[in-house]
Amino acid sequence: MGGWLAAGCLGGCALHGIAFVAPGETVKPWSFSSAGITYQYMHVYDGELPYAAGLADGYCGGLGRRAVLARVGKQAADRSLAIFKCQ
């Protein structure tokens, strides 16, 4: 593998087909409120749910609370929603 791969994937990358995906690349905010936040992510990549959890911790931490994973639901063949409550 070339040097470009190592430089672009310092945090680790997932291979799916022929595409390399950096951690968090498919994580998108879906909805949010003072009660919590929901992220959409591609569940075919192992690192995306933990990445979303880290983002949720940052969001809830800004509210003086902690993120707790409330539910994960499949949205499509390759996408899921992760619902975090701020407690």
PDB file of N, CA and C in Angstrom:
ATOM      1  N   MET A   1       0.839  -1.177   0.000  1.00  0.00           N
ATOM      2  CA  MET A   1       0.000   0.000   0.000  1.00  0.00           C
ATOM      3  C   MET A   1       0.884   1.240   0.000  1.00  0.00           C
ATOM      4  N   GLY A   2       0.435   2.270  -0.663  1.00  0.00           N
ATOM      5  CA  GLY A   2       1.236   3.477  -0.825  1.00  0.00           C
ATOM      6  C   GLY A   2       1.204   4.383   0.385  1.00  0.00           C
ATOM      7  N   GLY A   3       2.119   5.337   0.403  1.00  0.00           N
ATOM      8  CA  GLY A   3       2.184   6.292   1.494  1.00  0.00           C
ATOM      9  C   GLY A   3       0.939   7.153   1.620  1.00  0.00           C
ATOM     10  N   TRP A   4       0.252   7.368   0.509  1.00  0.00           N
ATOM     11  CA  TRP A   4      -0.968   8.182   0.549  1.00  0.00           C
ATOM     12  C   TRP A   4      -2.016   7.562   1.436  1.00  0.00           C
ATOM     13  N   LEU A   5      -2.070   6.235   1.474  1.00  0.00           N
ATOM     14  CA  LEU A   5      -3.065   5.550   2.285  1.00  0.00           C
ATOM     15  C   LEU A   5      -2.778   5.757   3.766  1.00  0.00           C
ATOM     16  N   ALA A   6      -1.538   5.599   4.155  1.00  0.00           N
ATOM     17  CA  ALA A   6      -1.178   5.767   5.562  1.00  0.00           C
ATOM     18  C   ALA A   6      -1.440   7.203   6.018  1.00  0.00           C
ATOM     19  N   ALA A   7      -1.119   8.172   5.169  1.00  0.00           N
ATOM     20  CA  ALA A   7      -1.315   9.568   5.553  1.00  0.00           C
ATOM     21  C   ALA A   7      -2.792   9.907   5.659  1.00  0.00           C
ATOM     22  N   GLY A   8      -3.629   9.359   4.799  1.00  0.00           N
ATOM     23  CA  GLY A   8      -5.052   9.667   4.799  1.00  0.00           C
ATOM     24  C   GLY A   8      -5.843   8.897   5.826  1.00  0.00           C
ATOM     25  N   CYS A   9      -5.253   7.879   6.414  1.00  0.00           N
ATOM     26  CA  CYS A   9      -5.979   6.999   7.332  1.00  0.00           C
ATOM     27  C   CYS A   9      -5.265   6.847   8.661  1.00  0.00           C
ATOM     28  N   LEU A  10      -4.741   7.935   9.187  1.00  0.00           N
ATOM     29  CA  LEU A  10      -3.978   7.871  10.430  1.00  0.00           C
ATOM     30  C   LEU A  10      -4.791   7.310  11.584  1.00  0.00           C
ATOM     31  N   GLY A  11      -6.088   7.606  11.637  1.00  0.00           N
ATOM     32  CA  GLY A  11      -6.941   7.101  12.710  1.00  0.00           C
ATOM     33  C   GLY A  11      -7.480   5.717  12.431  1.00  0.00           C
ATOM     34  N   GLY A  12      -7.132   5.134  11.292  1.00  0.00           N
ATOM     35  CA  GLY A  12      -7.640   3.833  10.892  1.00  0.00           C
ATOM     36  C   GLY A  12      -8.747   3.992   9.869  1.00  0.00           C
ATOM     37  N   CYS A  13      -8.757   3.148   8.888  1.00  0.00           N
ATOM     38  CA  CYS A  13      -9.773   3.211   7.841  1.00  0.00           C
ATOM     39  C   CYS A  13     -10.437   1.852   7.686  1.00  0.00           C
ATOM     40  N   ALA A  14     -11.637   1.863   7.180  1.00  0.00           N
ATOM     41  CA  ALA A  14     -12.359   0.638   6.889  1.00  0.00           C
ATOM     42  C   ALA A  14     -12.409   0.469   5.379  1.00  0.00           C
ATOM     43  N   LEU A  15     -12.280  -0.746   4.927  1.00  0.00           N
ATOM     44  CA  LEU A  15     -12.358  -1.040   3.506  1.00  0.00           C
ATOM     45  C   LEU A  15     -13.713  -1.643   3.221  1.00  0.00           C
ATOM     46  N   HIS A  16     -14.432  -1.053   2.286  1.00  0.00           N
ATOM     47  CA  HIS A  16     -15.725  -1.588   1.872  1.00  0.00           C
ATOM     48  C   HIS A  16     -15.755  -1.513   0.360  1.00  0.00           C
ATOM     49  N   GLY A  17     -15.721  -2.670  -0.292  1.00  0.00           N
ATOM     50  CA  GLY A  17     -15.586  -2.668  -1.739  1.00  0.00           C
ATOM     51  C   GLY A  17     -14.210  -2.139  -2.074  1.00  0.00           C
ATOM     52  N   ILE A  18     -14.151  -1.028  -2.779  1.00  0.00           N
ATOM     53  CA  ILE A  18     -12.852  -0.440  -3.098  1.00  0.00           C
ATOM     54  C   ILE A  18     -12.664   0.921  -2.428  1.00  0.00           C
ATOM     55  N   ALA A  19     -13.606   1.318  -1.589  1.00  0.00           N
ATOM     56  CA  ALA A  19     -13.542   2.639  -0.951  1.00  0.00           C
ATOM     57  C   ALA A  19     -13.008   2.536   0.470  1.00  0.00           C
ATOM     58  N   PHE A  20     -12.070   3.405   0.801  1.00  0.00           N
ATOM     59  CA  PHE A  20     -11.590   3.512   2.172  1.00  0.00           C
ATOM     60  C   PHE A  20     -12.350   4.643   2.852  1.00  0.00           C
ATOM     61  N   VAL A  21     -12.797   4.397   4.070  1.00  0.00           N
ATOM     62  CA  VAL A  21     -13.587   5.386   4.791  1.00  0.00           C
ATOM     63  C   VAL A  21     -12.890   5.684   6.115  1.00  0.00           C
ATOM     64  N   ALA A  22     -12.593   6.952   6.343  1.00  0.00           N
ATOM     65  CA  ALA A  22     -11.991   7.370   7.604  1.00  0.00           C
ATOM     66  C   ALA A  22     -13.048   7.321   8.704  1.00  0.00           C
ATOM     67  N   PRO A  23     -12.645   7.030   9.952  1.00  0.00           N
ATOM     68  CA  PRO A  23     -13.614   6.979  11.054  1.00  0.00           C
ATOM     69  C   PRO A  23     -14.435   8.268  11.138  1.00  0.00           C
ATOM     70  N   GLY A  24     -15.739   8.114  11.235  1.00  0.00           N
ATOM     71  CA  GLY A  24     -16.634   9.251  11.362  1.00  0.00           C
ATOM     72  C   GLY A  24     -17.098   9.847  10.050  1.00  0.00           C
ATOM     73  N   GLU A  25     -16.563   9.367   8.944  1.00  0.00           N
ATOM     74  CA  GLU A  25     -16.895   9.956   7.651  1.00  0.00           C
ATOM     75  C   GLU A  25     -18.367   9.817   7.281  1.00  0.00           C
ATOM     76  N   THR A  26     -19.031   8.761   7.754  1.00  0.00           N
ATOM     77  CA  THR A  26     -20.440   8.563   7.397  1.00  0.00           C
ATOM     78  C   THR A  26     -21.398   8.979   8.512  1.00  0.00           C
ATOM     79  N   VAL A  27     -20.879   9.512   9.617  1.00  0.00           N
ATOM     80  CA  VAL A  27     -21.717   9.915  10.756  1.00  0.00           C
ATOM     81  C   VAL A  27     -22.265  11.319  10.499  1.00  0.00           C
ATOM     82  N   LYS A  28     -23.588  11.440  10.524  1.00  0.00           N
ATOM     83  CA  LYS A  28     -24.244  12.733  10.282  1.00  0.00           C
ATOM     84  C   LYS A  28     -25.276  13.001  11.372  1.00  0.00           C
ATOM     85  N   PRO A  29     -25.333  14.232  11.901  1.00  0.00           N
ATOM     86  CA  PRO A  29     -26.397  14.547  12.865  1.00  0.00           C
ATOM     87  C   PRO A  29     -27.755  14.427  12.178  1.00  0.00           C
ATOM     88  N   TRP A  30     -28.704  13.814  12.845  1.00  0.00           N
ATOM     89  CA  TRP A  30     -30.040  13.615  12.282  1.00  0.00           C
ATOM     90  C   TRP A  30     -31.045  14.547  12.951  1.00  0.00           C
ATOM     91  N   SER A  31     -31.005  14.599  14.276  1.00  0.00           N
ATOM     92  CA  SER A  31     -31.856  15.525  15.039  1.00  0.00           C
ATOM     93  C   SER A  31     -31.209  15.742  16.399  1.00  0.00           C
ATOM     94  N   PHE A  32     -31.565  16.862  17.033  1.00  0.00           N
ATOM     95  CA  PHE A  32     -31.001  17.141  18.352  1.00  0.00           C
ATOM     96  C   PHE A  32     -31.936  18.052  19.134  1.00  0.00           C
ATOM     97  N   SER A  33     -31.814  17.965  20.452  1.00  0.00           N
ATOM     98  CA  SER A  33     -32.557  18.818  21.377  1.00  0.00           C
ATOM     99  C   SER A  33     -31.779  18.822  22.681  1.00  0.00           C
ATOM    100  N   SER A  34     -32.306  19.501  23.678  1.00  0.00           N
ATOM    101  CA  SER A  34     -31.632  19.494  24.978  1.00  0.00           C
ATOM    102  C   SER A  34     -31.725  18.118  25.651  1.00  0.00           C
ATOM    103  N   ALA A  35     -32.621  17.272  25.183  1.00  0.00           N
ATOM    104  CA  ALA A  35     -32.781  15.927  25.754  1.00  0.00           C
ATOM    105  C   ALA A  35     -31.804  14.921  25.169  1.00  0.00           C
ATOM    106  N   GLY A  36     -31.254  15.207  23.968  1.00  0.00           N
ATOM    107  CA  GLY A  36     -30.330  14.256  23.363  1.00  0.00           C
ATOM    108  C   GLY A  36     -30.084  14.551  21.904  1.00  0.00           C
ATOM    109  N   ILE A  37     -29.390  13.619  21.252  1.00  0.00           N
ATOM    110  CA  ILE A  37     -29.026  13.786  19.846  1.00  0.00           C
ATOM    111  C   ILE A  37     -29.100  12.444  19.139  1.00  0.00           C
ATOM    112  N   THR A  38     -29.464  12.491  17.867  1.00  0.00           N
ATOM    113  CA  THR A  38     -29.546  11.292  17.040  1.00  0.00           C
ATOM    114  C   THR A  38     -28.596  11.454  15.865  1.00  0.00           C
ATOM    115  N   TYR A  39     -27.830  10.410  15.592  1.00  0.00           N
ATOM    116  CA  TYR A  39     -26.918  10.403  14.452  1.00  0.00           C
ATOM    117  C   TYR A  39     -27.313   9.299  13.488  1.00  0.00           C
ATOM    118  N   GLN A  40     -27.183   9.588  12.208  1.00  0.00           N
ATOM    119  CA  GLN A  40     -27.311   8.573  11.171  1.00  0.00           C
ATOM    120  C   GLN A  40     -25.894   8.156  10.796  1.00  0.00           C
ATOM    121  N   TYR A  41     -25.680   6.871  10.554  1.00  0.00           N
ATOM    122  CA  TYR A  41     -24.359   6.389  10.161  1.00  0.00           C
ATOM    123  C   TYR A  41     -24.508   5.125   9.326  1.00  0.00           C
ATOM    124  N   MET A  42     -23.457   4.792   8.604  1.00  0.00           N
ATOM    125  CA  MET A  42     -23.450   3.561   7.821  1.00  0.00           C
ATOM    126  C   MET A  42     -22.931   2.437   8.710  1.00  0.00           C
ATOM    127  N   HIS A  43     -23.814   1.491   9.038  1.00  0.00           N
ATOM    128  CA  HIS A  43     -23.431   0.436   9.972  1.00  0.00           C
ATOM    129  C   HIS A  43     -22.516  -0.617   9.353  1.00  0.00           C
ATOM    130  N   VAL A  44     -22.255  -0.542   8.067  1.00  0.00           N
ATOM    131  CA  VAL A  44     -21.336  -1.494   7.444  1.00  0.00           C
ATOM    132  C   VAL A  44     -19.889  -1.209   7.854  1.00  0.00           C
ATOM    133  N   TYR A  45     -19.628  -0.048   8.450  1.00  0.00           N
ATOM    134  CA  TYR A  45     -18.299   0.290   8.941  1.00  0.00           C
ATOM    135  C   TYR A  45     -18.291   0.187  10.465  1.00  0.00           C
ATOM    136  N   ASP A  46     -17.439  -0.665  10.998  1.00  0.00           N
ATOM    137  CA  ASP A  46     -17.426  -0.965  12.434  1.00  0.00           C
ATOM    138  C   ASP A  46     -17.184   0.233  13.337  1.00  0.00           C
ATOM    139  N   GLY A  47     -16.399   1.188  12.914  1.00  0.00           N
ATOM    140  CA  GLY A  47     -16.014   2.282  13.800  1.00  0.00           C
ATOM    141  C   GLY A  47     -17.008   3.430  13.889  1.00  0.00           C
ATOM    142  N   GLU A  48     -18.072   3.398  13.128  1.00  0.00           N
ATOM    143  CA  GLU A  48     -18.959   4.552  13.072  1.00  0.00           C
ATOM    144  C   GLU A  48     -19.817   4.737  14.324  1.00  0.00           C
ATOM    145  N   LEU A  49     -20.329   3.670  14.912  1.00  0.00           N
ATOM    146  CA  LEU A  49     -21.134   3.820  16.132  1.00  0.00           C
ATOM    147  C   LEU A  49     -20.286   4.345  17.290  1.00  0.00           C
ATOM    148  N   PRO A  50     -19.093   3.802  17.538  1.00  0.00           N
ATOM    149  CA  PRO A  50     -18.256   4.403  18.589  1.00  0.00           C
ATOM    150  C   PRO A  50     -17.902   5.859  18.306  1.00  0.00           C
ATOM    151  N   TYR A  51     -17.710   6.194  17.042  1.00  0.00           N
ATOM    152  CA  TYR A  51     -17.421   7.583  16.690  1.00  0.00           C
ATOM    153  C   TYR A  51     -18.619   8.474  17.022  1.00  0.00           C
ATOM    154  N   ALA A  52     -19.813   8.005  16.683  1.00  0.00           N
ATOM    155  CA  ALA A  52     -21.037   8.756  17.003  1.00  0.00           C
ATOM    156  C   ALA A  52     -21.177   8.923  18.515  1.00  0.00           C
ATOM    157  N   ALA A  53     -20.813   7.895  19.274  1.00  0.00           N
ATOM    158  CA  ALA A  53     -20.893   7.975  20.738  1.00  0.00           C
ATOM    159  C   ALA A  53     -19.968   9.069  21.263  1.00  0.00           C
ATOM    160  N   GLY A  54     -18.793   9.189  20.682  1.00  0.00           N
ATOM    161  CA  GLY A  54     -17.871  10.246  21.084  1.00  0.00           C
ATOM    162  C   GLY A  54     -18.416  11.629  20.775  1.00  0.00           C
ATOM    163  N   LEU A  55     -19.039  11.766  19.608  1.00  0.00           N
ATOM    164  CA  LEU A  55     -19.667  13.047  19.257  1.00  0.00           C
ATOM    165  C   LEU A  55     -20.813  13.378  20.218  1.00  0.00           C
ATOM    166  N   ALA A  56     -21.602  12.363  20.556  1.00  0.00           N
ATOM    167  CA  ALA A  56     -22.727  12.568  21.480  1.00  0.00           C
ATOM    168  C   ALA A  56     -22.216  12.981  22.861  1.00  0.00           C
ATOM    169  N   ASP A  57     -21.110  12.383  23.295  1.00  0.00           N
ATOM    170  CA  ASP A  57     -20.517  12.780  24.579  1.00  0.00           C
ATOM    171  C   ASP A  57     -20.128  14.256  24.557  1.00  0.00           C
ATOM    172  N   GLY A  58     -19.563  14.698  23.446  1.00  0.00           N
ATOM    173  CA  GLY A  58     -19.197  16.107  23.326  1.00  0.00           C
ATOM    174  C   GLY A  58     -20.418  17.010  23.344  1.00  0.00           C
ATOM    175  N   TYR A  59     -21.466  16.599  22.645  1.00  0.00           N
ATOM    176  CA  TYR A  59     -22.702  17.390  22.598  1.00  0.00           C
ATOM    177  C   TYR A  59     -23.326  17.487  23.988  1.00  0.00           C
ATOM    178  N   CYS A  60     -23.512  16.359  24.636  1.00  0.00           N
ATOM    179  CA  CYS A  60     -24.139  16.352  25.964  1.00  0.00           C
ATOM    180  C   CYS A  60     -23.237  16.999  27.006  1.00  0.00           C
ATOM    181  N   GLY A  61     -21.930  16.844  26.851  1.00  0.00           N
ATOM    182  CA  GLY A  61     -20.992  17.481  27.769  1.00  0.00           C
ATOM    183  C   GLY A  61     -21.127  18.986  27.752  1.00  0.00           C
ATOM    184  N   GLY A  62     -21.432  19.542  26.580  1.00  0.00           N
ATOM    185  CA  GLY A  62     -21.665  20.979  26.462  1.00  0.00           C
ATOM    186  C   GLY A  62     -22.905  21.433  27.215  1.00  0.00           C
ATOM    187  N   LEU A  63     -23.784  20.478  27.521  1.00  0.00           N
ATOM    188  CA  LEU A  63     -24.994  20.768  28.304  1.00  0.00           C
ATOM    189  C   LEU A  63     -24.814  20.398  29.776  1.00  0.00           C
ATOM    190  N   GLY A  64     -23.582  20.000  30.131  1.00  0.00           N
ATOM    191  CA  GLY A  64     -23.299  19.614  31.512  1.00  0.00           C
ATOM    192  C   GLY A  64     -23.803  18.223  31.862  1.00  0.00           C
ATOM    193  N   ARG A  65     -24.026  17.404  30.839  1.00  0.00           N
ATOM    194  CA  ARG A  65     -24.520  16.039  31.064  1.00  0.00           C
ATOM    195  C   ARG A  65     -23.675  15.037  30.304  1.00  0.00           C
ATOM    196  N   ARG A  66     -24.075  13.798  30.372  1.00  0.00           N
ATOM    197  CA  ARG A  66     -23.355  12.697  29.762  1.00  0.00           C
ATOM    198  C   ARG A  66     -24.264  11.986  28.766  1.00  0.00           C
ATOM    199  N   ALA A  67     -23.703  11.506  27.665  1.00  0.00           N
ATOM    200  CA  ALA A  67     -24.489  10.800  26.654  1.00  0.00           C
ATOM    201  C   ALA A  67     -24.655   9.332  27.026  1.00  0.00           C
ATOM    202  N   VAL A  68     -25.860   8.843  26.865  1.00  0.00           N
ATOM    203  CA  VAL A  68     -26.169   7.426  27.086  1.00  0.00           C
ATOM    204  C   VAL A  68     -26.880   6.924  25.838  1.00  0.00           C
ATOM    205  N   LEU A  69     -26.397   5.820  25.280  1.00  0.00           N
ATOM    206  CA  LEU A  69     -27.030   5.248  24.097  1.00  0.00           C
ATOM    207  C   LEU A  69     -28.384   4.682  24.487  1.00  0.00           C
ATOM    208  N   ALA A  70     -29.440   5.217  23.896  1.00  0.00           N
ATOM    209  CA  ALA A  70     -30.801   4.783  24.217  1.00  0.00           C
ATOM    210  C   ALA A  70     -31.292   3.706  23.259  1.00  0.00           C
ATOM    211  N   ARG A  71     -30.957   3.868  21.976  1.00  0.00           N
ATOM    212  CA  ARG A  71     -31.468   2.911  20.993  1.00  0.00           C
ATOM    213  C   ARG A  71     -30.699   3.027  19.687  1.00  0.00           C
ATOM    214  N   VAL A  72     -30.577   1.898  18.996  1.00  0.00           N
ATOM    215  CA  VAL A  72     -30.034   1.860  17.643  1.00  0.00           C
ATOM    216  C   VAL A  72     -31.087   1.200  16.782  1.00  0.00           C
ATOM    217  N   GLY A  73     -31.423   1.832  15.686  1.00  0.00           N
ATOM    218  CA  GLY A  73     -32.429   1.279  14.788  1.00  0.00           C
ATOM    219  C   GLY A  73     -31.965   1.314  13.354  1.00  0.00           C
ATOM    220  N   LYS A  74     -32.240   0.250  12.637  1.00  0.00           N
ATOM    221  CA  LYS A  74     -31.881   0.190  11.226  1.00  0.00           C
ATOM    222  C   LYS A  74     -32.819   1.090  10.431  1.00  0.00           C
ATOM    223  N   GLN A  75     -32.249   1.939   9.606  1.00  0.00           N
ATOM    224  CA  GLN A  75     -33.030   2.870   8.805  1.00  0.00           C
ATOM    225  C   GLN A  75     -33.127   2.410   7.352  1.00  0.00           C
ATOM    226  N   ALA A  76     -32.074   1.830   6.845  1.00  0.00           N
ATOM    227  CA  ALA A  76     -32.020   1.357   5.463  1.00  0.00           C
ATOM    228  C   ALA A  76     -31.064   0.169   5.425  1.00  0.00           C
ATOM    229  N   ALA A  77     -30.857  -0.378   4.242  1.00  0.00           N
ATOM    230  CA  ALA A  77     -29.995  -1.557   4.109  1.00  0.00           C
ATOM    231  C   ALA A  77     -28.590  -1.331   4.668  1.00  0.00           C
ATOM    232  N   ASP A  78     -28.081  -0.109   4.546  1.00  0.00           N
ATOM    233  CA  ASP A  78     -26.719   0.170   5.002  1.00  0.00           C
ATOM    234  C   ASP A  78     -26.628   1.267   6.056  1.00  0.00           C
ATOM    235  N   ARG A  79     -27.749   1.796   6.496  1.00  0.00           N
ATOM    236  CA  ARG A  79     -27.732   2.926   7.440  1.00  0.00           C
ATOM    237  C   ARG A  79     -28.563   2.632   8.691  1.00  0.00           C
ATOM    238  N   SER A  80     -28.083   3.175   9.786  1.00  0.00           N
ATOM    239  CA  SER A  80     -28.786   3.057  11.063  1.00  0.00           C
ATOM    240  C   SER A  80     -28.855   4.426  11.721  1.00  0.00           C
ATOM    241  N   LEU A  81     -29.749   4.546  12.693  1.00  0.00           N
ATOM    242  CA  LEU A  81     -29.838   5.729  13.541  1.00  0.00           C
ATOM    243  C   LEU A  81     -29.447   5.327  14.957  1.00  0.00           C
ATOM    244  N   ALA A  82     -28.604   6.125  15.570  1.00  0.00           N
ATOM    245  CA  ALA A  82     -28.207   5.930  16.963  1.00  0.00           C
ATOM    246  C   ALA A  82     -28.780   7.082  17.774  1.00  0.00           C
ATOM    247  N   ILE A  83     -29.606   6.761  18.748  1.00  0.00           N
ATOM    248  CA  ILE A  83     -30.276   7.770  19.569  1.00  0.00           C
ATOM    249  C   ILE A  83     -29.586   7.818  20.932  1.00  0.00           C
ATOM    250  N   PHE A  84     -29.067   8.981  21.274  1.00  0.00           N
ATOM    251  CA  PHE A  84     -28.391   9.194  22.547  1.00  0.00           C
ATOM    252  C   PHE A  84     -29.203  10.165  23.389  1.00  0.00           C
ATOM    253  N   LYS A  85     -29.378   9.839  24.654  1.00  0.00           N
ATOM    254  CA  LYS A  85     -30.035  10.726  25.614  1.00  0.00           C
ATOM    255  C   LYS A  85     -28.959  11.410  26.444  1.00  0.00           C
ATOM    256  N   CYS A  86     -29.183  12.674  26.768  1.00  0.00           N
ATOM    257  CA  CYS A  86     -28.276  13.397  27.653  1.00  0.00           C
ATOM    258  C   CYS A  86     -28.798  13.266  29.080  1.00  0.00           C
ATOM    259  N   GLN A  87     -27.994  12.677  29.946  1.00  0.00           N
ATOM    260  CA  GLN A  87     -28.416  12.459  31.342  1.00  0.00           C
ATOM    261  C   GLN A  87     -27.424  13.060  32.292  1.00  0.00           C
TER     262      GLN A  87
END
